[in-house]
Each structure stands twice: as C-alpha cells, then as structure tokens.
C-alpha cells in the first residue's frame, strides 16, 4: 500500500490505473480515522477497483481561534486502518503541496453553504470547496465517498460537482454511531468522560424526532421541539433546524418532502454536529425526490421505513 506525498508521484501512479480502465474510488479525509471512515473506505472497495484515501488537515476550512493546531492526528494508526480496510493508495501531502507559495484562487460555494454551519463558521465551506476541488483534480476519481454526518458538506459538494461539470459520482454513506447513538467524529476525542455522557442527548433528541415523524407527525415546529426537549444537557445549542434535504432551506409547516433535522452544539469546549433524515414514504414522493433520496442516503434509499440506529 504505497503512500504518496507529492501530487506528481500520485498522478503518475494513477495514470496507469486509468489507462487500464480501472474504476477509481476516492475517500478524502483529515485523518485520525475511525469506524465512520472505515465505512466510507469499505463502500469504495466494494464499488471500485482502486481506492485512494487522502489524509490532509486542510487549513483553509478552519477559522480564527478554531482547532487547526490541536486537531487530532495519528498517522501510523491511519495507515493501519487503511491497510486492513483494503486501501490501495494513500495521499499525505503537506500544506505547501496543496497551497504552494503564491496560491490565491478559491472556490466560492453558493447559497447551500450559507445556513447552518455556514452561518456560524464563515469561510468554512469556501475552504472545503476549494480543497475538495483540488483533490478531485489531482485524483480524478470516478466515485467519491462522504459521510452523512457532515450533511451540509455533502450538499455543498454535490452542488459543486453539478455546477462545475465534474464527471464524479458522489456517494453519501450513512452515519456510523457508537452503541449509545453518539455519531462518530474525530473531535469526540476532545470530550471528557462527563461531557461524553452529556453529548448523547444530541442523538437522543434526533431519534425522538425521527420516531415522532415515523408515527405520523409532520408539523415542523413540533418535530424540532421534540428534539430540543432532549438536548438540555449541552452548553450551547448553535442551531437545531429542519431543512429541505436538497436546498437546505428551512421547512415551515408540514414536512412533505425529504428533510434533514440538523444540529450543532457545544458540549464543554467541543463542537459537535449531527443530523437525522426525515423521509416521507416512497409512494408520497415525486420522481425527482426519489432520485434525491437515493443520492442523499445511499443504501437507505428505500427509507422512510428505516430509522436511525447505532452501528
């Protein structure tokens, strides 16, 4: 399993695979890999001939006073996970390789990047869109894999691929959770034992809203209130919003289209995000909405029926 640190060496290697007509899957990560990343890798291995994983803590998506310098890193453990999961190539560039001296061109995402995390982390999705575009240009994958936990990021990237005519299929893999429901995240390592226990209220709230939706509740305000009632243990609730799964525009009134209930909260000094999808029964959806659901939730595309569950 070779590791590449330069763009030139990686692209030279990948050229041979493309000449051979092999299907290339790509999993871009910031490292400190966990079972959620493994799920992305395993999906790529199952669907593609070659799987490439990048390990790069992208400085342009961190704002002032955020955790760039202390973001967890574990390169040796990351290599071990990649090897056992079936990765073929690893790309581990330095920041100067991705952003060489004189770099000045950025990708500006549109309205889909403005609400939710975009409102509380100005510039974050500009950095995400830029680095993902650069990595796509470097790897030129046939398929790229992202986790549902970063729901808005997935929406931004799907829009980016459509708008820039990139010939890449985007696959969103369902969130992987701890047995108690907490969504796996590299930032969970920041949590003390007490904060870790309090953080479970986020998934409890989301699951409660999902259960109410499955039981027939369609009023957006009541669904949000159901979730919020379970989230009293957090120190700061940055947002809890029910949005259209495609546009991320707020849903007011009745939920009759694929929707996402998204939350960001601080527990202690750690910022966590999570979401749950609220999908009406397939027979209630228009054809374009069914297509959206298949892109948003991948293997759970027949949902509506399948609820969130620990993995």
C-alpha atoms as a PDB file:
ATOM      1  CA  UNK A   1       0.000   0.000   0.000  1.00  0.00           C
ATOM      2  CA  UNK A   2       2.178   2.882  -1.240  1.00  0.00           C
ATOM      3  CA  UNK A   3       1.992   6.329   0.348  1.00  0.00           C
ATOM      4  CA  UNK A   4       2.453   9.429  -1.811  1.00  0.00           C
ATOM      5  CA  UNK A   5       3.394  12.865  -0.539  1.00  0.00           C
ATOM      6  CA  UNK A   6       3.574  14.770  -3.811  1.00  0.00           C
ATOM      7  CA  UNK A   7       0.965  15.438  -6.465  1.00  0.00           C
ATOM      8  CA  UNK A   8       3.358  14.450  -9.234  1.00  0.00           C
ATOM      9  CA  UNK A   9       4.118  10.999  -7.841  1.00  0.00           C
ATOM     10  CA  UNK A  10       0.451  10.246  -7.143  1.00  0.00           C
ATOM     11  CA  UNK A  11      -0.791  11.340 -10.552  1.00  0.00           C
ATOM     12  CA  UNK A  12       1.906   9.318 -12.318  1.00  0.00           C
ATOM     13  CA  UNK A  13       0.791   6.211 -10.474  1.00  0.00           C
ATOM     14  CA  UNK A  14      -2.912   6.830 -11.091  1.00  0.00           C
ATOM     15  CA  UNK A  15      -2.311   7.353 -14.811  1.00  0.00           C
ATOM     16  CA  UNK A  16      -1.541   3.664 -15.183  1.00  0.00           C
ATOM     17  CA  UNK A  17      -4.758   2.619 -13.479  1.00  0.00           C
ATOM     18  CA  UNK A  18      -6.823   4.871 -15.709  1.00  0.00           C
ATOM     19  CA  UNK A  19      -5.080   3.575 -18.833  1.00  0.00           C
ATOM     20  CA  UNK A  20      -6.063   0.079 -17.709  1.00  0.00           C
ATOM     21  CA  UNK A  21      -9.699   1.203 -17.432  1.00  0.00           C
ATOM     22  CA  UNK A  22      -9.928   0.634 -13.690  1.00  0.00           C
ATOM     23  CA  UNK A  23     -12.635   2.374 -11.650  1.00  0.00           C
ATOM     24  CA  UNK A  24     -11.086   4.699  -9.052  1.00  0.00           C
ATOM     25  CA  UNK A  25     -12.808   5.451  -5.749  1.00  0.00           C
ATOM     26  CA  UNK A  26     -11.682   8.300  -3.504  1.00  0.00           C
ATOM     27  CA  UNK A  27     -12.176   8.941   0.211  1.00  0.00           C
ATOM     28  CA  UNK A  28     -10.891  12.405   1.222  1.00  0.00           C
ATOM     29  CA  UNK A  29     -10.272  12.682   4.974  1.00  0.00           C
ATOM     30  CA  UNK A  30      -8.473  14.808   7.527  1.00  0.00           C
ATOM     31  CA  UNK A  31      -7.041  11.697   9.161  1.00  0.00           C
ATOM     32  CA  UNK A  32      -7.481  10.406  12.722  1.00  0.00           C
ATOM     33  CA  UNK A  33      -9.556   7.691  11.123  1.00  0.00           C
ATOM     34  CA  UNK A  34     -12.320   5.804  12.931  1.00  0.00           C
ATOM     35  CA  UNK A  35     -15.084   3.325  12.086  1.00  0.00           C
ATOM     36  CA  UNK A  36     -17.003   6.000  10.198  1.00  0.00           C
ATOM     37  CA  UNK A  37     -14.076   6.466   7.821  1.00  0.00           C
ATOM     38  CA  UNK A  38     -13.746   2.685   7.543  1.00  0.00           C
ATOM     39  CA  UNK A  39     -17.362   2.544   6.356  1.00  0.00           C
ATOM     40  CA  UNK A  40     -16.521   5.012   3.581  1.00  0.00           C
ATOM     41  CA  UNK A  41     -13.450   3.027   2.601  1.00  0.00           C
ATOM     42  CA  UNK A  42     -15.316  -0.282   2.597  1.00  0.00           C
ATOM     43  CA  UNK A  43     -18.007   1.226   0.378  1.00  0.00           C
ATOM     44  CA  UNK A  44     -15.322   2.357  -2.053  1.00  0.00           C
ATOM     45  CA  UNK A  45     -13.589  -1.025  -2.005  1.00  0.00           C
ATOM     46  CA  UNK A  46     -16.911  -2.718  -2.728  1.00  0.00           C
ATOM     47  CA  UNK A  47     -17.765  -0.418  -5.649  1.00  0.00           C
ATOM     48  CA  UNK A  48     -14.401   0.354  -7.218  1.00  0.00           C
ATOM     49  CA  UNK A  49     -11.253  -1.378  -8.477  1.00  0.00           C
ATOM     50  CA  UNK A  50      -8.859   1.049  -6.801  1.00  0.00           C
ATOM     51  CA  UNK A  51      -9.408   3.026  -3.586  1.00  0.00           C
ATOM     52  CA  UNK A  52      -7.423   6.172  -2.802  1.00  0.00           C
ATOM     53  CA  UNK A  53      -7.542   7.816   0.647  1.00  0.00           C
ATOM     54  CA  UNK A  54      -6.167  11.270   1.361  1.00  0.00           C
ATOM     55  CA  UNK A  55      -5.024  12.308   4.839  1.00  0.00           C
ATOM     56  CA  UNK A  56      -4.828  16.081   4.928  1.00  0.00           C
ATOM     57  CA  UNK A  57      -5.821  18.528   7.666  1.00  0.00           C
ATOM     58  CA  UNK A  58      -6.958  21.377   5.448  1.00  0.00           C
ATOM     59  CA  UNK A  59      -6.004  24.759   6.949  1.00  0.00           C
ATOM     60  CA  UNK A  60      -8.340  26.828   4.766  1.00  0.00           C
ATOM     61  CA  UNK A  61     -11.502  25.378   6.326  1.00  0.00           C
ATOM     62  CA  UNK A  62     -10.529  26.425   9.867  1.00  0.00           C
ATOM     63  CA  UNK A  63     -11.406  29.884  11.113  1.00  0.00           C
ATOM     64  CA  UNK A  64      -9.532  32.070  13.606  1.00  0.00           C
ATOM     65  CA  UNK A  65      -9.441  30.540  17.099  1.00  0.00           C
ATOM     66  CA  UNK A  66     -10.603  27.140  15.804  1.00  0.00           C
ATOM     67  CA  UNK A  67      -8.768  23.872  16.445  1.00  0.00           C
ATOM     68  CA  UNK A  68      -6.376  23.599  13.474  1.00  0.00           C
ATOM     69  CA  UNK A  69      -3.261  23.244  15.608  1.00  0.00           C
ATOM     70  CA  UNK A  70      -4.737  20.713  18.016  1.00  0.00           C
ATOM     71  CA  UNK A  71      -6.842  18.755  15.534  1.00  0.00           C
ATOM     72  CA  UNK A  72      -6.065  15.099  16.371  1.00  0.00           C
ATOM     73  CA  UNK A  73      -3.533  13.303  14.214  1.00  0.00           C
ATOM     74  CA  UNK A  74      -2.476   9.629  14.257  1.00  0.00           C
ATOM     75  CA  UNK A  75      -0.710   8.843  11.001  1.00  0.00           C
ATOM     76  CA  UNK A  76       0.553   5.377  11.947  1.00  0.00           C
ATOM     77  CA  UNK A  77      -2.886   4.237  13.135  1.00  0.00           C
ATOM     78  CA  UNK A  78      -4.431   5.730   9.983  1.00  0.00           C
ATOM     79  CA  UNK A  79      -2.096   3.654   7.834  1.00  0.00           C
ATOM     80  CA  UNK A  80      -3.020   0.512   9.769  1.00  0.00           C
ATOM     81  CA  UNK A  81      -6.748   1.111   9.293  1.00  0.00           C
ATOM     82  CA  UNK A  82      -6.303   1.822   5.588  1.00  0.00           C
ATOM     83  CA  UNK A  83      -4.250  -1.317   5.091  1.00  0.00           C
ATOM     84  CA  UNK A  84      -6.729  -3.611   6.836  1.00  0.00           C
ATOM     85  CA  UNK A  85      -9.696  -1.976   5.057  1.00  0.00           C
ATOM     86  CA  UNK A  86      -8.269  -2.629   1.589  1.00  0.00           C
ATOM     87  CA  UNK A  87      -6.986   0.809   0.532  1.00  0.00           C
ATOM     88  CA  UNK A  88      -4.653   0.748  -2.472  1.00  0.00           C
ATOM     89  CA  UNK A  89      -3.047   4.209  -2.299  1.00  0.00           C
ATOM     90  CA  UNK A  90      -2.674   6.864   0.403  1.00  0.00           C
ATOM     91  CA  UNK A  91      -2.046  10.533  -0.330  1.00  0.00           C
ATOM     92  CA  UNK A  92      -0.485  12.505   2.555  1.00  0.00           C
ATOM     93  CA  UNK A  93       0.529  15.923   1.251  1.00  0.00           C
ATOM     94  CA  UNK A  94       1.974  18.802   3.227  1.00  0.00           C
ATOM     95  CA  UNK A  95       0.039  22.059   3.253  1.00  0.00           C
ATOM     96  CA  UNK A  96       2.660  23.598   0.951  1.00  0.00           C
ATOM     97  CA  UNK A  97       1.978  20.891  -1.634  1.00  0.00           C
ATOM     98  CA  UNK A  98      -1.719  21.782  -1.792  1.00  0.00           C
ATOM     99  CA  UNK A  99      -1.281  25.533  -1.260  1.00  0.00           C
ATOM    100  CA  UNK A 100       2.113  26.468  -2.722  1.00  0.00           C
ATOM    101  CA  UNK A 101       3.568  29.956  -2.312  1.00  0.00           C
ATOM    102  CA  UNK A 102       1.525  32.478  -4.242  1.00  0.00           C
ATOM    103  CA  UNK A 103      -1.704  30.460  -4.085  1.00  0.00           C
ATOM    104  CA  UNK A 104      -4.679  32.796  -4.453  1.00  0.00           C
ATOM    105  CA  UNK A 105      -7.586  31.028  -6.204  1.00  0.00           C
ATOM    106  CA  UNK A 106     -10.548  29.776  -4.154  1.00  0.00           C
ATOM    107  CA  UNK A 107     -13.872  28.111  -4.944  1.00  0.00           C
ATOM    108  CA  UNK A 108     -16.822  30.088  -3.597  1.00  0.00           C
ATOM    109  CA  UNK A 109     -19.855  27.878  -2.856  1.00  0.00           C
ATOM    110  CA  UNK A 110     -23.343  29.275  -3.279  1.00  0.00           C
ATOM    111  CA  UNK A 111     -26.449  29.568  -1.080  1.00  0.00           C
ATOM    112  CA  UNK A 112     -26.334  25.927   0.025  1.00  0.00           C
ATOM    113  CA  UNK A 113     -23.229  26.849   2.070  1.00  0.00           C
ATOM    114  CA  UNK A 114     -24.818  29.820   3.820  1.00  0.00           C
ATOM    115  CA  UNK A 115     -27.144  28.389   6.526  1.00  0.00           C
ATOM    116  CA  UNK A 116     -26.374  26.015   9.409  1.00  0.00           C
ATOM    117  CA  UNK A 117     -22.586  25.632   9.793  1.00  0.00           C
ATOM    118  CA  UNK A 118     -22.034  28.264   7.126  1.00  0.00           C
ATOM    119  CA  UNK A 119     -23.701  30.867   9.337  1.00  0.00           C
ATOM    120  CA  UNK A 120     -21.593  30.104  12.413  1.00  0.00           C
ATOM    121  CA  UNK A 121     -18.310  29.250  10.640  1.00  0.00           C
ATOM    122  CA  UNK A 122     -17.796  31.977   8.000  1.00  0.00           C
ATOM    123  CA  UNK A 123     -15.433  30.847   5.267  1.00  0.00           C
ATOM    124  CA  UNK A 124     -15.512  27.190   6.307  1.00  0.00           C
ATOM    125  CA  UNK A 125     -17.193  25.890   3.169  1.00  0.00           C
ATOM    126  CA  UNK A 126     -15.047  28.104   0.958  1.00  0.00           C
ATOM    127  CA  UNK A 127     -12.096  26.141   2.302  1.00  0.00           C
ATOM    128  CA  UNK A 128     -13.924  22.820   1.915  1.00  0.00           C
ATOM    129  CA  UNK A 129     -14.996  23.554  -1.660  1.00  0.00           C
ATOM    130  CA  UNK A 130     -11.501  24.667  -2.599  1.00  0.00           C
ATOM    131  CA  UNK A 131      -9.629  21.684  -1.189  1.00  0.00           C
ATOM    132  CA  UNK A 132     -12.165  19.154  -2.478  1.00  0.00           C
ATOM    133  CA  UNK A 133     -11.986  20.652  -5.972  1.00  0.00           C
ATOM    134  CA  UNK A 134      -8.200  20.499  -5.874  1.00  0.00           C
ATOM    135  CA  UNK A 135      -8.207  16.894  -4.631  1.00  0.00           C
ATOM    136  CA  UNK A 136     -10.744  15.911  -7.292  1.00  0.00           C
ATOM    137  CA  UNK A 137      -8.500  17.441  -9.947  1.00  0.00           C
ATOM    138  CA  UNK A 138      -5.477  15.603  -8.573  1.00  0.00           C
ATOM    139  CA  UNK A 139      -7.044  12.150  -8.109  1.00  0.00           C
ATOM    140  CA  UNK A 140      -9.676  12.373 -10.887  1.00  0.00           C
ATOM    141  CA  UNK A 141     -11.821   9.667  -9.282  1.00  0.00           C
ATOM    142  CA  UNK A 142     -14.848   8.024 -10.806  1.00  0.00           C
ATOM    143  CA  UNK A 143     -16.593   7.978  -7.418  1.00  0.00           C
ATOM    144  CA  UNK A 144     -16.017   9.908  -4.170  1.00  0.00           C
ATOM    145  CA  UNK A 145     -17.399   8.919  -0.771  1.00  0.00           C
ATOM    146  CA  UNK A 146     -18.556  11.182   2.058  1.00  0.00           C
ATOM    147  CA  UNK A 147     -20.338  10.635   5.375  1.00  0.00           C
ATOM    148  CA  UNK A 148     -23.913  11.668   6.103  1.00  0.00           C
ATOM    149  CA  UNK A 149     -22.839  13.128   9.464  1.00  0.00           C
ATOM    150  CA  UNK A 150     -21.384  16.067   7.516  1.00  0.00           C
ATOM    151  CA  UNK A 151     -24.717  16.581   5.777  1.00  0.00           C
ATOM    152  CA  UNK A 152     -24.213  20.165   4.687  1.00  0.00           C
ATOM    153  CA  UNK A 153     -20.736  19.386   3.409  1.00  0.00           C
ATOM    154  CA  UNK A 154     -22.244  16.640   1.244  1.00  0.00           C
ATOM    155  CA  UNK A 155     -24.815  19.097  -0.127  1.00  0.00           C
ATOM    156  CA  UNK A 156     -22.089  21.639  -0.928  1.00  0.00           C
ATOM    157  CA  UNK A 157     -20.007  19.014  -2.732  1.00  0.00           C
ATOM    158  CA  UNK A 158     -22.937  17.639  -4.730  1.00  0.00           C
ATOM    159  CA  UNK A 159     -23.734  21.212  -5.851  1.00  0.00           C
ATOM    160  CA  UNK A 160     -20.075  21.830  -6.674  1.00  0.00           C
ATOM    161  CA  UNK A 161     -19.893  18.705  -8.854  1.00  0.00           C
ATOM    162  CA  UNK A 162     -23.076  19.696 -10.720  1.00  0.00           C
ATOM    163  CA  UNK A 163     -22.093  23.319 -11.210  1.00  0.00           C
ATOM    164  CA  UNK A 164     -18.534  22.643 -12.371  1.00  0.00           C
ATOM    165  CA  UNK A 165     -19.485  19.648 -14.569  1.00  0.00           C
ATOM    166  CA  UNK A 166     -17.129  17.296 -12.772  1.00  0.00           C
ATOM    167  CA  UNK A 167     -17.562  13.687 -14.008  1.00  0.00           C
ATOM    168  CA  UNK A 168     -17.618  12.245 -10.496  1.00  0.00           C
ATOM    169  CA  UNK A 169     -20.333  10.259  -8.731  1.00  0.00           C
ATOM    170  CA  UNK A 170     -20.840  11.389  -5.128  1.00  0.00           C
ATOM    171  CA  UNK A 171     -21.896   8.663  -2.697  1.00  0.00           C
ATOM    172  CA  UNK A 172     -23.151   9.578   0.770  1.00  0.00           C
ATOM    173  CA  UNK A 173     -22.675   6.808   3.337  1.00  0.00           C
ATOM    174  CA  UNK A 174     -24.951   6.640   6.411  1.00  0.00           C
ATOM    175  CA  UNK A 175     -23.601   7.938   9.726  1.00  0.00           C
ATOM    176  CA  UNK A 176     -21.793   5.394  11.878  1.00  0.00           C
ATOM    177  CA  UNK A 177     -22.607   5.660  15.569  1.00  0.00           C
ATOM    178  CA  UNK A 178     -21.347   4.457  18.918  1.00  0.00           C
ATOM    179  CA  UNK A 179     -23.540   1.791  20.584  1.00  0.00           C
ATOM    180  CA  UNK A 180     -25.241   4.549  22.614  1.00  0.00           C
ATOM    181  CA  UNK A 181     -26.071   6.558  19.476  1.00  0.00           C
ATOM    182  CA  UNK A 182     -23.351   9.238  19.521  1.00  0.00           C
ATOM    183  CA  UNK A 183     -22.198   9.955  15.968  1.00  0.00           C
ATOM    184  CA  UNK A 184     -18.567   9.018  15.436  1.00  0.00           C
ATOM    185  CA  UNK A 185     -16.314  12.038  14.971  1.00  0.00           C
ATOM    186  CA  UNK A 186     -12.607  12.704  15.277  1.00  0.00           C
ATOM    187  CA  UNK A 187     -13.496  15.535  17.643  1.00  0.00           C
ATOM    188  CA  UNK A 188     -15.121  13.089  20.095  1.00  0.00           C
ATOM    189  CA  UNK A 189     -11.576  12.558  21.357  1.00  0.00           C
ATOM    190  CA  UNK A 190     -11.749  16.037  22.911  1.00  0.00           C
ATOM    191  CA  UNK A 191     -14.637  15.044  25.209  1.00  0.00           C
ATOM    192  CA  UNK A 192     -14.095  14.281  28.884  1.00  0.00           C
ATOM    193  CA  UNK A 193     -15.968  11.271  30.252  1.00  0.00           C
ATOM    194  CA  UNK A 194     -18.631  13.547  31.741  1.00  0.00           C
ATOM    195  CA  UNK A 195     -19.009  15.561  28.538  1.00  0.00           C
ATOM    196  CA  UNK A 196     -19.106  12.352  26.507  1.00  0.00           C
ATOM    197  CA  UNK A 197     -22.101  11.198  28.550  1.00  0.00           C
ATOM    198  CA  UNK A 198     -23.853  14.554  28.109  1.00  0.00           C
ATOM    199  CA  UNK A 199     -23.249  14.545  24.359  1.00  0.00           C
ATOM    200  CA  UNK A 200     -25.565  11.563  23.947  1.00  0.00           C
ATOM    201  CA  UNK A 201     -28.530  13.900  24.323  1.00  0.00           C
ATOM    202  CA  UNK A 202     -27.978  15.098  20.750  1.00  0.00           C
ATOM    203  CA  UNK A 203     -28.698  11.752  19.136  1.00  0.00           C
ATOM    204  CA  UNK A 204     -31.479  11.079  21.660  1.00  0.00           C
ATOM    205  CA  UNK A 205     -33.211  14.243  20.525  1.00  0.00           C
ATOM    206  CA  UNK A 206     -32.777  13.467  16.841  1.00  0.00           C
ATOM    207  CA  UNK A 207     -34.018   9.912  17.303  1.00  0.00           C
ATOM    208  CA  UNK A 208     -37.050  11.163  19.246  1.00  0.00           C
ATOM    209  CA  UNK A 209     -37.977  13.479  16.384  1.00  0.00           C
ATOM    210  CA  UNK A 210     -37.476  10.684  13.871  1.00  0.00           C
ATOM    211  CA  UNK A 211     -39.717   8.377  15.908  1.00  0.00           C
ATOM    212  CA  UNK A 212     -42.405  11.073  16.015  1.00  0.00           C
ATOM    213  CA  UNK A 213     -42.115  11.518  12.249  1.00  0.00           C
ATOM    214  CA  UNK A 214     -42.429   7.784  11.693  1.00  0.00           C
ATOM    215  CA  UNK A 215     -45.514   7.814  13.897  1.00  0.00           C
ATOM    216  CA  UNK A 216     -47.126  10.393  11.619  1.00  0.00           C
ATOM    217  CA  UNK A 217     -46.073  13.789  12.991  1.00  0.00           C
ATOM    218  CA  UNK A 218     -45.495  16.214  10.121  1.00  0.00           C
ATOM    219  CA  UNK A 219     -45.548  19.633  11.812  1.00  0.00           C
ATOM    220  CA  UNK A 220     -42.032  21.052  11.535  1.00  0.00           C
ATOM    221  CA  UNK A 221     -42.192  23.096  14.723  1.00  0.00           C
ATOM    222  CA  UNK A 222     -43.379  20.172  16.829  1.00  0.00           C
ATOM    223  CA  UNK A 223     -40.659  17.936  15.385  1.00  0.00           C
ATOM    224  CA  UNK A 224     -37.978  20.480  16.285  1.00  0.00           C
ATOM    225  CA  UNK A 225     -39.457  20.923  19.756  1.00  0.00           C
ATOM    226  CA  UNK A 226     -39.457  17.151  20.256  1.00  0.00           C
ATOM    227  CA  UNK A 227     -35.741  17.021  19.517  1.00  0.00           C
ATOM    228  CA  UNK A 228     -34.871  20.121  21.520  1.00  0.00           C
ATOM    229  CA  UNK A 229     -36.591  18.792  24.631  1.00  0.00           C
ATOM    230  CA  UNK A 230     -33.930  16.060  24.808  1.00  0.00           C
ATOM    231  CA  UNK A 231     -30.956  18.386  24.281  1.00  0.00           C
ATOM    232  CA  UNK A 232     -30.923  20.288  27.553  1.00  0.00           C
ATOM    233  CA  UNK A 233     -27.518  18.926  28.633  1.00  0.00           C
ATOM    234  CA  UNK A 234     -25.482  20.786  26.018  1.00  0.00           C
ATOM    235  CA  UNK A 235     -23.677  24.004  26.935  1.00  0.00           C
ATOM    236  CA  UNK A 236     -24.604  25.835  23.729  1.00  0.00           C
ATOM    237  CA  UNK A 237     -27.094  24.877  21.053  1.00  0.00           C
ATOM    238  CA  UNK A 238     -25.761  26.700  17.999  1.00  0.00           C
ATOM    239  CA  UNK A 239     -28.602  25.589  15.766  1.00  0.00           C
ATOM    240  CA  UNK A 240     -31.329  22.970  15.508  1.00  0.00           C
ATOM    241  CA  UNK A 241     -33.068  23.334  12.166  1.00  0.00           C
ATOM    242  CA  UNK A 242     -35.329  21.271   9.949  1.00  0.00           C
ATOM    243  CA  UNK A 243     -34.338  21.887   6.334  1.00  0.00           C
ATOM    244  CA  UNK A 244     -35.072  20.693   2.826  1.00  0.00           C
ATOM    245  CA  UNK A 245     -32.625  17.856   2.133  1.00  0.00           C
ATOM    246  CA  UNK A 246     -31.625  19.300  -1.246  1.00  0.00           C
ATOM    247  CA  UNK A 247     -31.619  23.072  -0.844  1.00  0.00           C
ATOM    248  CA  UNK A 248     -31.116  23.277   2.951  1.00  0.00           C
ATOM    249  CA  UNK A 249     -33.821  25.930   3.078  1.00  0.00           C
ATOM    250  CA  UNK A 250     -35.848  25.928   6.327  1.00  0.00           C
ATOM    251  CA  UNK A 251     -39.061  23.917   6.264  1.00  0.00           C
ATOM    252  CA  UNK A 252     -42.039  25.685   7.808  1.00  0.00           C
ATOM    253  CA  UNK A 253     -45.373  23.993   8.305  1.00  0.00           C
ATOM    254  CA  UNK A 254     -45.830  20.411   7.153  1.00  0.00           C
ATOM    255  CA  UNK A 255     -42.931  18.158   6.149  1.00  0.00           C
ATOM    256  CA  UNK A 256     -43.925  16.615   2.834  1.00  0.00           C
ATOM    257  CA  UNK A 257     -40.513  16.344   1.132  1.00  0.00           C
ATOM    258  CA  UNK A 258     -37.173  14.728   2.056  1.00  0.00           C
ATOM    259  CA  UNK A 259     -35.878  16.712   5.025  1.00  0.00           C
ATOM    260  CA  UNK A 260     -32.909  16.801   7.374  1.00  0.00           C
ATOM    261  CA  UNK A 261     -33.046  17.745  11.034  1.00  0.00           C
ATOM    262  CA  UNK A 262     -29.580  19.187  11.678  1.00  0.00           C
ATOM    263  CA  UNK A 263     -27.936  20.176  14.951  1.00  0.00           C
ATOM    264  CA  UNK A 264     -24.681  21.797  16.051  1.00  0.00           C
ATOM    265  CA  UNK A 265     -23.896  22.169  19.732  1.00  0.00           C
ATOM    266  CA  UNK A 266     -21.030  22.725  22.117  1.00  0.00           C
ATOM    267  CA  UNK A 267     -20.510  20.238  24.923  1.00  0.00           C
ATOM    268  CA  UNK A 268     -17.800  21.628  27.128  1.00  0.00           C
ATOM    269  CA  UNK A 269     -15.403  23.204  24.643  1.00  0.00           C
ATOM    270  CA  UNK A 270     -16.127  20.641  21.908  1.00  0.00           C
ATOM    271  CA  UNK A 271     -18.341  21.485  18.948  1.00  0.00           C
ATOM    272  CA  UNK A 272     -20.362  18.538  17.635  1.00  0.00           C
ATOM    273  CA  UNK A 273     -22.696  18.177  14.665  1.00  0.00           C
ATOM    274  CA  UNK A 274     -25.286  15.533  13.828  1.00  0.00           C
ATOM    275  CA  UNK A 275     -28.421  15.062  11.780  1.00  0.00           C
ATOM    276  CA  UNK A 276     -31.250  12.700  11.024  1.00  0.00           C
ATOM    277  CA  UNK A 277     -33.162  12.323   7.779  1.00  0.00           C
ATOM    278  CA  UNK A 278     -36.942  12.536   7.715  1.00  0.00           C
ATOM    279  CA  UNK A 279     -38.114  10.873   4.519  1.00  0.00           C
ATOM    280  CA  UNK A 280     -41.798  10.508   3.635  1.00  0.00           C
ATOM    281  CA  UNK A 281     -42.856   7.073   2.321  1.00  0.00           C
ATOM    282  CA  UNK A 282     -41.609   6.483  -1.245  1.00  0.00           C
ATOM    283  CA  UNK A 283     -45.139   6.453  -2.639  1.00  0.00           C
ATOM    284  CA  UNK A 284     -45.563  10.044  -1.403  1.00  0.00           C
ATOM    285  CA  UNK A 285     -42.519  11.351  -3.290  1.00  0.00           C
ATOM    286  CA  UNK A 286     -42.206  12.699  -6.801  1.00  0.00           C
ATOM    287  CA  UNK A 287     -39.680  11.083  -9.140  1.00  0.00           C
ATOM    288  CA  UNK A 288     -37.115  13.864  -8.668  1.00  0.00           C
ATOM    289  CA  UNK A 289     -37.423  13.494  -4.884  1.00  0.00           C
ATOM    290  CA  UNK A 290     -36.852   9.742  -5.090  1.00  0.00           C
ATOM    291  CA  UNK A 291     -33.698  10.446  -7.097  1.00  0.00           C
ATOM    292  CA  UNK A 292     -32.562  12.899  -4.425  1.00  0.00           C
ATOM    293  CA  UNK A 293     -33.143  10.357  -1.670  1.00  0.00           C
ATOM    294  CA  UNK A 294     -31.005   7.794  -3.480  1.00  0.00           C
ATOM    295  CA  UNK A 295     -28.113  10.292  -3.639  1.00  0.00           C
ATOM    296  CA  UNK A 296     -28.540  11.505  -0.069  1.00  0.00           C
ATOM    297  CA  UNK A 297     -28.800   8.242   1.809  1.00  0.00           C
ATOM    298  CA  UNK A 298     -27.290   5.632  -0.467  1.00  0.00           C
ATOM    299  CA  UNK A 299     -28.039   2.190   0.907  1.00  0.00           C
ATOM    300  CA  UNK A 300     -31.024   3.565   2.846  1.00  0.00           C
ATOM    301  CA  UNK A 301     -32.649   4.849  -0.343  1.00  0.00           C
ATOM    302  CA  UNK A 302     -35.812   2.887   0.301  1.00  0.00           C
ATOM    303  CA  UNK A 303     -36.145   4.720   3.583  1.00  0.00           C
ATOM    304  CA  UNK A 304     -38.804   6.346   5.312  1.00  0.00           C
ATOM    305  CA  UNK A 305     -39.049   2.935   6.859  1.00  0.00           C
ATOM    306  CA  UNK A 306     -35.527   2.505   8.176  1.00  0.00           C
ATOM    307  CA  UNK A 307     -34.843   4.648  11.199  1.00  0.00           C
ATOM    308  CA  UNK A 308     -31.558   5.845  12.656  1.00  0.00           C
ATOM    309  CA  UNK A 309     -29.766   3.298  14.734  1.00  0.00           C
ATOM    310  CA  UNK A 310     -26.406   2.818  16.424  1.00  0.00           C
ATOM    311  CA  UNK A 311     -23.851   0.948  14.324  1.00  0.00           C
END
